[in-house]
N, C-alpha and C. Protein backbone atom coordinates (compact mmCIF):
# COMPACT_ATOMS: atom_id res chain seq x y z
N MET A 1 130.40 -26.40 86.81
CA MET A 1 130.56 -27.13 85.58
C MET A 1 130.44 -26.15 84.43
N SER A 2 131.25 -26.31 83.45
CA SER A 2 131.23 -25.40 82.30
C SER A 2 129.99 -25.66 81.45
N ALA A 3 129.55 -24.62 80.75
CA ALA A 3 128.35 -24.72 79.93
C ALA A 3 128.47 -25.84 78.90
N GLY A 4 129.63 -26.01 78.30
CA GLY A 4 129.82 -27.03 77.29
C GLY A 4 129.76 -28.45 77.81
N ALA A 5 129.94 -28.64 79.11
CA ALA A 5 129.94 -29.99 79.68
C ALA A 5 128.55 -30.58 79.80
N TRP A 6 127.53 -29.76 79.77
CA TRP A 6 126.17 -30.28 79.98
C TRP A 6 125.74 -31.23 78.89
N ASP A 7 126.08 -30.98 77.65
CA ASP A 7 125.71 -31.90 76.57
C ASP A 7 126.32 -33.28 76.82
N GLY A 8 127.56 -33.30 77.29
CA GLY A 8 128.21 -34.57 77.61
C GLY A 8 127.52 -35.29 78.75
N ASN A 9 127.04 -34.54 79.74
CA ASN A 9 126.32 -35.17 80.85
C ASN A 9 125.00 -35.76 80.39
N VAL A 10 124.31 -35.05 79.52
CA VAL A 10 123.05 -35.58 78.98
C VAL A 10 123.31 -36.89 78.27
N ALA A 11 124.37 -36.96 77.46
CA ALA A 11 124.70 -38.19 76.75
C ALA A 11 125.14 -39.29 77.71
N LEU A 12 125.99 -38.95 78.67
CA LEU A 12 126.49 -39.92 79.63
C LEU A 12 125.36 -40.57 80.42
N TRP A 13 124.44 -39.76 80.93
CA TRP A 13 123.36 -40.26 81.78
C TRP A 13 122.11 -40.63 81.00
N ARG A 14 122.16 -40.42 79.67
CA ARG A 14 120.98 -40.68 78.83
C ARG A 14 119.76 -39.98 79.43
N SER A 15 119.96 -38.74 79.75
CA SER A 15 118.96 -37.95 80.46
C SER A 15 117.73 -37.68 79.61
N PHE A 16 116.60 -37.73 80.27
CA PHE A 16 115.34 -37.32 79.64
C PHE A 16 115.25 -35.81 79.76
N LEU A 17 114.97 -35.16 78.67
CA LEU A 17 114.78 -33.71 78.67
C LEU A 17 113.33 -33.42 78.30
N PRO A 18 112.57 -32.78 79.17
CA PRO A 18 111.19 -32.47 78.83
C PRO A 18 111.12 -31.74 77.49
N ALA A 19 110.25 -32.21 76.60
CA ALA A 19 110.20 -31.70 75.23
C ALA A 19 109.97 -30.19 75.17
N ARG A 20 109.03 -29.66 75.96
CA ARG A 20 108.75 -28.22 75.92
C ARG A 20 109.97 -27.42 76.35
N CYS A 21 110.68 -27.90 77.35
CA CYS A 21 111.88 -27.22 77.83
C CYS A 21 112.98 -27.29 76.77
N ALA A 22 113.21 -28.48 76.22
CA ALA A 22 114.28 -28.66 75.22
C ALA A 22 114.01 -27.80 74.00
N GLU A 23 112.74 -27.70 73.61
CA GLU A 23 112.40 -26.87 72.46
C GLU A 23 112.68 -25.39 72.75
N ALA A 24 112.26 -24.94 73.92
CA ALA A 24 112.43 -23.53 74.27
C ALA A 24 113.90 -23.17 74.46
N LEU A 25 114.63 -23.97 75.22
CA LEU A 25 116.03 -23.65 75.50
C LEU A 25 116.95 -24.06 74.36
N GLY A 26 116.51 -25.01 73.56
CA GLY A 26 117.31 -25.47 72.43
C GLY A 26 117.53 -24.40 71.38
N GLN A 27 116.61 -23.46 71.30
CA GLN A 27 116.75 -22.36 70.35
C GLN A 27 117.96 -21.50 70.67
N GLU A 28 118.38 -21.54 71.94
CA GLU A 28 119.54 -20.79 72.37
C GLU A 28 120.77 -21.69 72.51
N GLY A 29 120.61 -22.96 72.15
CA GLY A 29 121.71 -23.91 72.27
C GLY A 29 121.91 -24.43 73.68
N ASN A 30 120.90 -24.27 74.54
CA ASN A 30 121.04 -24.67 75.94
C ASN A 30 120.07 -25.77 76.34
N ALA A 31 119.63 -26.61 75.42
CA ALA A 31 118.65 -27.65 75.74
C ALA A 31 119.14 -28.56 76.87
N ALA A 32 120.43 -28.80 76.97
CA ALA A 32 120.96 -29.68 78.01
C ALA A 32 120.66 -29.15 79.41
N TYR A 33 120.46 -27.87 79.54
CA TYR A 33 120.14 -27.30 80.85
C TYR A 33 118.81 -27.83 81.38
N CYS A 34 117.97 -28.37 80.49
CA CYS A 34 116.69 -28.94 80.91
C CYS A 34 116.89 -30.14 81.83
N MET A 35 118.11 -30.64 81.92
CA MET A 35 118.44 -31.72 82.84
C MET A 35 118.34 -31.21 84.29
N LEU A 36 118.44 -29.91 84.48
CA LEU A 36 118.40 -29.31 85.80
C LEU A 36 116.99 -28.82 86.10
N SER A 37 116.51 -29.15 87.28
CA SER A 37 115.11 -28.86 87.61
C SER A 37 114.78 -27.37 87.62
N ASN A 38 115.73 -26.51 87.98
CA ASN A 38 115.41 -25.09 88.00
C ASN A 38 115.15 -24.55 86.59
N TYR A 39 115.67 -25.25 85.56
CA TYR A 39 115.38 -24.86 84.18
C TYR A 39 114.13 -25.57 83.65
N SER A 40 113.94 -26.83 84.01
CA SER A 40 112.83 -27.60 83.44
C SER A 40 111.50 -27.39 84.17
N ALA A 41 111.53 -27.02 85.44
CA ALA A 41 110.29 -26.89 86.22
C ALA A 41 109.23 -26.01 85.57
N PRO A 42 109.57 -24.86 85.00
CA PRO A 42 108.52 -24.03 84.40
C PRO A 42 107.82 -24.69 83.21
N TYR A 43 108.39 -25.74 82.65
CA TYR A 43 107.83 -26.40 81.48
C TYR A 43 107.08 -27.69 81.82
N ILE A 44 107.01 -28.03 83.09
CA ILE A 44 106.35 -29.26 83.53
C ILE A 44 105.03 -28.90 84.17
N SER A 45 103.93 -29.43 83.63
CA SER A 45 102.62 -29.08 84.15
C SER A 45 102.18 -30.00 85.28
N ALA A 46 102.70 -31.22 85.35
CA ALA A 46 102.33 -32.15 86.41
C ALA A 46 102.92 -31.69 87.74
N ALA A 47 102.22 -32.01 88.81
CA ALA A 47 102.75 -31.73 90.15
C ALA A 47 103.96 -32.63 90.40
N VAL A 48 104.93 -32.13 91.13
CA VAL A 48 106.14 -32.89 91.45
C VAL A 48 106.38 -32.90 92.95
N PHE A 49 107.11 -33.91 93.41
CA PHE A 49 107.52 -34.00 94.80
C PHE A 49 109.03 -34.15 94.80
N VAL A 50 109.73 -33.22 95.43
CA VAL A 50 111.18 -33.17 95.43
C VAL A 50 111.72 -33.75 96.74
N VAL A 51 112.68 -34.65 96.63
CA VAL A 51 113.38 -35.21 97.78
C VAL A 51 114.85 -34.84 97.60
N GLU A 52 115.37 -33.99 98.47
CA GLU A 52 116.74 -33.50 98.32
C GLU A 52 117.29 -33.11 99.69
N ALA A 53 118.52 -33.52 99.97
CA ALA A 53 119.20 -33.09 101.19
C ALA A 53 119.64 -31.64 101.04
N GLN A 54 119.56 -30.89 102.13
CA GLN A 54 119.98 -29.48 102.08
C GLN A 54 121.47 -29.35 101.80
N SER A 55 122.22 -30.32 102.23
CA SER A 55 123.67 -30.32 101.98
C SER A 55 124.01 -31.61 101.26
N ASP A 56 123.63 -31.69 99.99
CA ASP A 56 123.88 -32.90 99.20
C ASP A 56 125.39 -33.09 99.08
N CYS A 57 125.88 -34.17 99.69
CA CYS A 57 127.33 -34.34 99.77
C CYS A 57 127.98 -34.55 98.41
N VAL A 58 127.30 -35.16 97.46
CA VAL A 58 127.92 -35.35 96.14
C VAL A 58 128.07 -34.01 95.45
N GLN A 59 127.04 -33.18 95.49
CA GLN A 59 127.16 -31.86 94.88
C GLN A 59 128.26 -31.05 95.54
N LEU A 60 128.29 -31.06 96.87
CA LEU A 60 129.26 -30.23 97.59
C LEU A 60 130.69 -30.76 97.50
N VAL A 61 130.87 -32.06 97.65
CA VAL A 61 132.22 -32.63 97.66
C VAL A 61 132.79 -32.76 96.25
N TYR A 62 132.00 -33.29 95.33
CA TYR A 62 132.53 -33.60 94.00
C TYR A 62 132.37 -32.48 92.98
N HIS A 63 131.49 -31.55 93.23
CA HIS A 63 131.30 -30.45 92.28
C HIS A 63 131.76 -29.10 92.84
N ASP A 64 131.72 -28.95 94.16
CA ASP A 64 132.09 -27.67 94.77
C ASP A 64 133.35 -27.76 95.62
N TRP A 65 134.01 -28.89 95.63
CA TRP A 65 135.29 -29.09 96.32
C TRP A 65 135.24 -28.84 97.82
N VAL A 66 134.09 -29.08 98.43
CA VAL A 66 133.98 -29.02 99.89
C VAL A 66 134.60 -30.31 100.43
N PRO A 67 135.41 -30.25 101.46
CA PRO A 67 136.03 -31.49 101.98
C PRO A 67 134.96 -32.44 102.53
N SER A 68 135.17 -33.73 102.34
CA SER A 68 134.20 -34.72 102.83
C SER A 68 134.09 -34.70 104.35
N SER A 69 135.06 -34.11 105.01
CA SER A 69 135.02 -33.98 106.47
C SER A 69 134.24 -32.75 106.92
N ALA A 70 133.51 -32.12 106.02
CA ALA A 70 132.82 -30.86 106.32
C ALA A 70 131.90 -30.96 107.53
N ARG A 71 131.33 -32.13 107.77
CA ARG A 71 130.40 -32.26 108.90
C ARG A 71 131.10 -31.99 110.23
N GLN A 72 132.38 -32.32 110.31
CA GLN A 72 133.13 -32.10 111.55
C GLN A 72 133.97 -30.82 111.51
N ASP A 73 133.97 -30.13 110.40
CA ASP A 73 134.84 -28.97 110.22
C ASP A 73 134.21 -27.72 110.83
N ASP A 74 134.99 -26.97 111.60
CA ASP A 74 134.51 -25.73 112.21
C ASP A 74 134.97 -24.48 111.48
N ASP A 75 135.50 -24.63 110.28
CA ASP A 75 135.97 -23.49 109.49
C ASP A 75 134.80 -22.54 109.21
N PRO A 76 134.88 -21.29 109.67
CA PRO A 76 133.76 -20.36 109.48
C PRO A 76 133.46 -20.04 108.01
N ASP A 77 134.49 -20.01 107.16
CA ASP A 77 134.24 -19.76 105.74
C ASP A 77 133.50 -20.93 105.10
N LEU A 78 133.87 -22.15 105.47
CA LEU A 78 133.20 -23.34 104.96
C LEU A 78 131.74 -23.36 105.42
N ARG A 79 131.52 -23.07 106.70
CA ARG A 79 130.14 -23.01 107.23
C ARG A 79 129.33 -21.95 106.49
N ALA A 80 129.90 -20.80 106.26
CA ALA A 80 129.20 -19.72 105.55
C ALA A 80 128.84 -20.16 104.13
N TYR A 81 129.75 -20.85 103.47
CA TYR A 81 129.48 -21.34 102.12
C TYR A 81 128.33 -22.34 102.13
N MET A 82 128.35 -23.26 103.10
CA MET A 82 127.31 -24.28 103.16
C MET A 82 125.95 -23.68 103.54
N ILE A 83 125.95 -22.68 104.39
CA ILE A 83 124.71 -21.99 104.72
C ILE A 83 124.17 -21.29 103.47
N ALA A 84 125.05 -20.65 102.72
CA ALA A 84 124.63 -19.98 101.49
C ALA A 84 124.09 -21.00 100.48
N PHE A 85 124.72 -22.19 100.40
CA PHE A 85 124.25 -23.26 99.52
C PHE A 85 122.82 -23.64 99.90
N GLN A 86 122.58 -23.83 101.19
CA GLN A 86 121.24 -24.22 101.67
C GLN A 86 120.24 -23.10 101.40
N VAL A 87 120.59 -21.87 101.65
CA VAL A 87 119.69 -20.73 101.42
C VAL A 87 119.35 -20.63 99.94
N ASN A 88 120.34 -20.77 99.06
CA ASN A 88 120.09 -20.73 97.63
C ASN A 88 119.16 -21.85 97.19
N GLN A 89 119.36 -23.03 97.76
CA GLN A 89 118.49 -24.16 97.42
C GLN A 89 117.06 -23.87 97.85
N SER A 90 116.89 -23.39 99.07
CA SER A 90 115.56 -23.07 99.58
C SER A 90 114.88 -22.01 98.72
N GLN A 91 115.60 -20.98 98.36
CA GLN A 91 115.04 -19.94 97.50
C GLN A 91 114.68 -20.50 96.13
N GLY A 92 115.50 -21.43 95.64
CA GLY A 92 115.21 -22.07 94.35
C GLY A 92 113.93 -22.89 94.40
N PHE A 93 113.72 -23.60 95.51
CA PHE A 93 112.46 -24.34 95.67
C PHE A 93 111.28 -23.38 95.57
N HIS A 94 111.33 -22.32 96.34
CA HIS A 94 110.21 -21.39 96.38
C HIS A 94 110.00 -20.69 95.04
N ALA A 95 111.07 -20.43 94.33
CA ALA A 95 110.97 -19.69 93.07
C ALA A 95 110.52 -20.56 91.90
N SER A 96 110.92 -21.84 91.88
CA SER A 96 110.66 -22.62 90.67
C SER A 96 109.57 -23.67 90.80
N LEU A 97 109.14 -23.98 92.01
CA LEU A 97 108.11 -24.99 92.16
C LEU A 97 106.72 -24.36 92.24
N LYS A 98 105.75 -25.12 91.78
CA LYS A 98 104.36 -24.66 91.75
C LYS A 98 103.71 -24.86 93.12
N PRO A 99 102.61 -24.17 93.41
CA PRO A 99 101.95 -24.30 94.72
C PRO A 99 101.56 -25.74 95.07
N GLU A 100 101.25 -26.56 94.09
CA GLU A 100 100.85 -27.94 94.37
C GLU A 100 102.03 -28.89 94.50
N ASP A 101 103.24 -28.43 94.23
CA ASP A 101 104.43 -29.26 94.36
C ASP A 101 104.80 -29.41 95.84
N GLY A 102 105.33 -30.56 96.19
CA GLY A 102 105.75 -30.80 97.56
C GLY A 102 107.23 -31.08 97.63
N TRP A 103 107.75 -31.09 98.86
CA TRP A 103 109.16 -31.44 99.03
C TRP A 103 109.46 -31.97 100.40
N PHE A 104 110.56 -32.70 100.46
CA PHE A 104 111.12 -33.25 101.68
C PHE A 104 112.59 -32.86 101.65
N ASN A 105 113.00 -31.98 102.57
CA ASN A 105 114.31 -31.35 102.47
C ASN A 105 115.02 -31.33 103.84
N PRO A 106 115.63 -32.48 104.22
CA PRO A 106 116.29 -32.56 105.52
C PRO A 106 117.69 -31.93 105.51
N ALA A 107 118.11 -31.49 106.67
CA ALA A 107 119.44 -30.90 106.84
C ALA A 107 120.43 -32.03 107.10
N CYS A 108 120.80 -32.71 106.03
CA CYS A 108 121.70 -33.85 106.10
C CYS A 108 122.83 -33.69 105.09
N PHE A 109 123.96 -34.31 105.39
CA PHE A 109 125.11 -34.36 104.48
C PHE A 109 125.11 -35.74 103.84
N ILE A 110 124.10 -35.98 102.98
CA ILE A 110 123.91 -37.26 102.32
C ILE A 110 123.63 -37.01 100.84
N HIS A 111 123.52 -38.08 100.08
CA HIS A 111 123.17 -37.94 98.66
C HIS A 111 121.86 -38.67 98.38
N THR A 112 121.88 -40.00 98.38
CA THR A 112 120.66 -40.75 98.07
C THR A 112 120.29 -41.74 99.17
N GLU A 113 120.75 -41.52 100.36
CA GLU A 113 120.52 -42.47 101.45
C GLU A 113 119.16 -42.31 102.12
N PHE A 114 118.17 -41.88 101.41
CA PHE A 114 116.82 -41.76 101.96
C PHE A 114 116.19 -43.15 101.99
N ASN A 115 115.54 -43.50 103.09
CA ASN A 115 114.81 -44.76 103.14
C ASN A 115 113.53 -44.57 103.94
N SER A 116 112.84 -45.65 104.23
CA SER A 116 111.52 -45.54 104.85
C SER A 116 111.57 -45.12 106.32
N THR A 117 112.76 -45.13 106.93
CA THR A 117 112.84 -44.76 108.35
C THR A 117 113.70 -43.54 108.64
N ASN A 118 114.62 -43.18 107.76
CA ASN A 118 115.43 -41.99 108.00
C ASN A 118 115.95 -41.44 106.70
N PRO A 119 116.27 -40.18 106.68
CA PRO A 119 116.05 -39.24 107.77
C PRO A 119 114.56 -38.92 107.92
N THR A 120 114.25 -38.27 109.03
CA THR A 120 112.88 -37.82 109.26
C THR A 120 112.90 -36.32 109.53
N ILE A 121 111.77 -35.71 109.28
CA ILE A 121 111.55 -34.31 109.65
C ILE A 121 110.24 -34.30 110.43
N GLY A 122 110.31 -33.89 111.68
CA GLY A 122 109.12 -33.91 112.52
C GLY A 122 108.53 -35.29 112.68
N GLY A 123 109.40 -36.32 112.67
CA GLY A 123 108.97 -37.70 112.82
C GLY A 123 108.45 -38.34 111.54
N VAL A 124 108.53 -37.65 110.41
CA VAL A 124 108.02 -38.17 109.14
C VAL A 124 109.18 -38.43 108.18
N SER A 125 109.23 -39.64 107.62
CA SER A 125 110.25 -39.97 106.63
C SER A 125 109.79 -39.48 105.26
N TYR A 126 110.68 -39.55 104.27
CA TYR A 126 110.26 -39.11 102.94
C TYR A 126 109.18 -40.02 102.38
N VAL A 127 109.18 -41.30 102.76
CA VAL A 127 108.15 -42.22 102.28
C VAL A 127 106.79 -41.77 102.81
N GLY A 128 106.72 -41.45 104.11
CA GLY A 128 105.47 -40.97 104.69
C GLY A 128 105.07 -39.63 104.11
N ALA A 129 106.04 -38.75 103.91
CA ALA A 129 105.75 -37.43 103.35
C ALA A 129 105.22 -37.55 101.93
N PHE A 130 105.87 -38.39 101.11
CA PHE A 130 105.41 -38.57 99.74
C PHE A 130 104.00 -39.17 99.71
N GLY A 131 103.75 -40.17 100.55
CA GLY A 131 102.42 -40.78 100.61
C GLY A 131 101.36 -39.77 100.99
N SER A 132 101.64 -38.94 101.98
CA SER A 132 100.69 -37.91 102.39
C SER A 132 100.47 -36.89 101.29
N TRP A 133 101.56 -36.48 100.64
CA TRP A 133 101.45 -35.53 99.53
C TRP A 133 100.63 -36.12 98.40
N LEU A 134 100.91 -37.37 98.04
CA LEU A 134 100.22 -38.02 96.93
C LEU A 134 98.72 -38.17 97.24
N ALA A 135 98.40 -38.55 98.45
CA ALA A 135 97.00 -38.71 98.84
C ALA A 135 96.25 -37.38 98.84
N GLY A 136 96.97 -36.30 99.10
CA GLY A 136 96.33 -34.99 99.16
C GLY A 136 96.58 -34.11 97.96
N SER A 137 97.21 -34.66 96.92
CA SER A 137 97.59 -33.82 95.77
C SER A 137 96.40 -33.60 94.83
N ASN A 138 95.43 -32.87 95.32
CA ASN A 138 94.24 -32.59 94.52
C ASN A 138 94.07 -31.09 94.32
N GLY A 139 95.19 -30.40 94.27
CA GLY A 139 95.14 -28.96 94.06
C GLY A 139 95.19 -28.15 95.33
N SER A 140 95.15 -28.83 96.47
CA SER A 140 95.24 -28.10 97.74
C SER A 140 96.70 -27.76 98.03
N THR A 141 96.93 -27.10 99.15
CA THR A 141 98.30 -26.75 99.52
C THR A 141 99.14 -28.01 99.67
N ALA A 142 100.29 -28.02 99.08
CA ALA A 142 101.15 -29.20 99.06
C ALA A 142 101.91 -29.37 100.36
N LEU A 143 102.25 -30.61 100.66
CA LEU A 143 103.05 -30.94 101.83
C LEU A 143 104.50 -30.55 101.55
N ARG A 144 105.06 -29.76 102.45
CA ARG A 144 106.44 -29.31 102.30
C ARG A 144 107.14 -29.41 103.65
N LEU A 145 108.07 -30.33 103.74
CA LEU A 145 108.83 -30.52 104.97
C LEU A 145 110.27 -30.11 104.72
N MET A 146 110.74 -29.16 105.53
CA MET A 146 112.09 -28.63 105.37
C MET A 146 112.65 -28.32 106.76
N ASP A 147 113.84 -28.86 107.05
CA ASP A 147 114.50 -28.50 108.30
C ASP A 147 114.87 -27.04 108.27
N ASP A 148 114.78 -26.40 109.43
CA ASP A 148 115.21 -25.01 109.57
C ASP A 148 116.27 -24.99 110.65
N CYS A 149 117.52 -24.86 110.23
CA CYS A 149 118.66 -25.01 111.13
C CYS A 149 119.32 -23.71 111.55
N GLY A 150 118.96 -22.63 110.92
CA GLY A 150 119.70 -21.41 111.19
C GLY A 150 121.13 -21.57 110.75
N ASP A 151 122.07 -21.44 111.68
CA ASP A 151 123.49 -21.53 111.35
C ASP A 151 124.05 -22.94 111.43
N ASP A 152 123.23 -23.93 111.75
CA ASP A 152 123.69 -25.32 111.84
C ASP A 152 123.14 -26.08 110.64
N VAL A 153 123.94 -26.22 109.60
CA VAL A 153 123.46 -26.86 108.37
C VAL A 153 123.26 -28.37 108.52
N PHE A 154 123.65 -28.94 109.65
CA PHE A 154 123.48 -30.37 109.89
C PHE A 154 122.64 -30.63 111.14
N CYS A 155 121.57 -29.90 111.33
CA CYS A 155 120.80 -30.01 112.57
C CYS A 155 119.96 -31.28 112.65
N ASN A 156 119.69 -31.95 111.55
CA ASN A 156 118.87 -33.16 111.59
C ASN A 156 119.71 -34.32 112.11
N GLU A 157 119.32 -34.85 113.25
CA GLU A 157 120.08 -35.93 113.88
C GLU A 157 119.64 -37.31 113.39
N ASN A 158 118.68 -37.36 112.48
CA ASN A 158 118.16 -38.64 111.98
C ASN A 158 118.72 -39.00 110.61
N CYS A 159 119.88 -38.48 110.28
CA CYS A 159 120.47 -38.73 108.96
C CYS A 159 121.27 -40.03 108.99
N SER A 160 121.15 -40.79 107.91
CA SER A 160 121.90 -42.04 107.81
C SER A 160 123.34 -41.75 107.39
N PHE A 161 124.17 -42.74 107.51
CA PHE A 161 125.57 -42.63 107.09
C PHE A 161 125.62 -42.42 105.59
N ASN A 162 126.48 -41.52 105.12
CA ASN A 162 126.59 -41.33 103.68
C ASN A 162 127.70 -42.22 103.13
N ARG A 163 127.37 -42.98 102.12
CA ARG A 163 128.34 -43.91 101.53
C ARG A 163 129.03 -43.32 100.31
N TYR A 164 128.67 -42.13 99.90
CA TYR A 164 129.21 -41.55 98.69
C TYR A 164 130.31 -40.51 98.97
N CYS A 165 130.33 -39.96 100.15
CA CYS A 165 131.26 -38.85 100.42
C CYS A 165 132.17 -39.15 101.59
């Protein structure tokens, strides 16, 4: 997405921009970037819990032009791109989140189809993971569940059908 499009997205979605982030980035004309967690995270003091698919189908299909049939596609270049997408996301989590922040990050080709029973990681759904994180969020090490697939970006077999892609 072009830099100029972010202001339009903020208006379209009526996005909340954390005040400290908007003030800091607004001096450079980039306050709209605060809509993105990698920009806003350093300005948020509260602990956060992130729920995100490793292969978010809306991001990949509608923003990165990956074919919606990617789950069945054996194209090595497409697989390499999706692996790089997942690696970048994982590195972003580690780089921008605080030690007390938690996450639930399954290897699924979905967008918002998380519910109380699937997907799961190690038998735990995001509802269970969030509850455990919330109960233990007293400054101790945060709960972080992330599928590790190696070269198989869709290794989680507990993913629900995606209705968006």
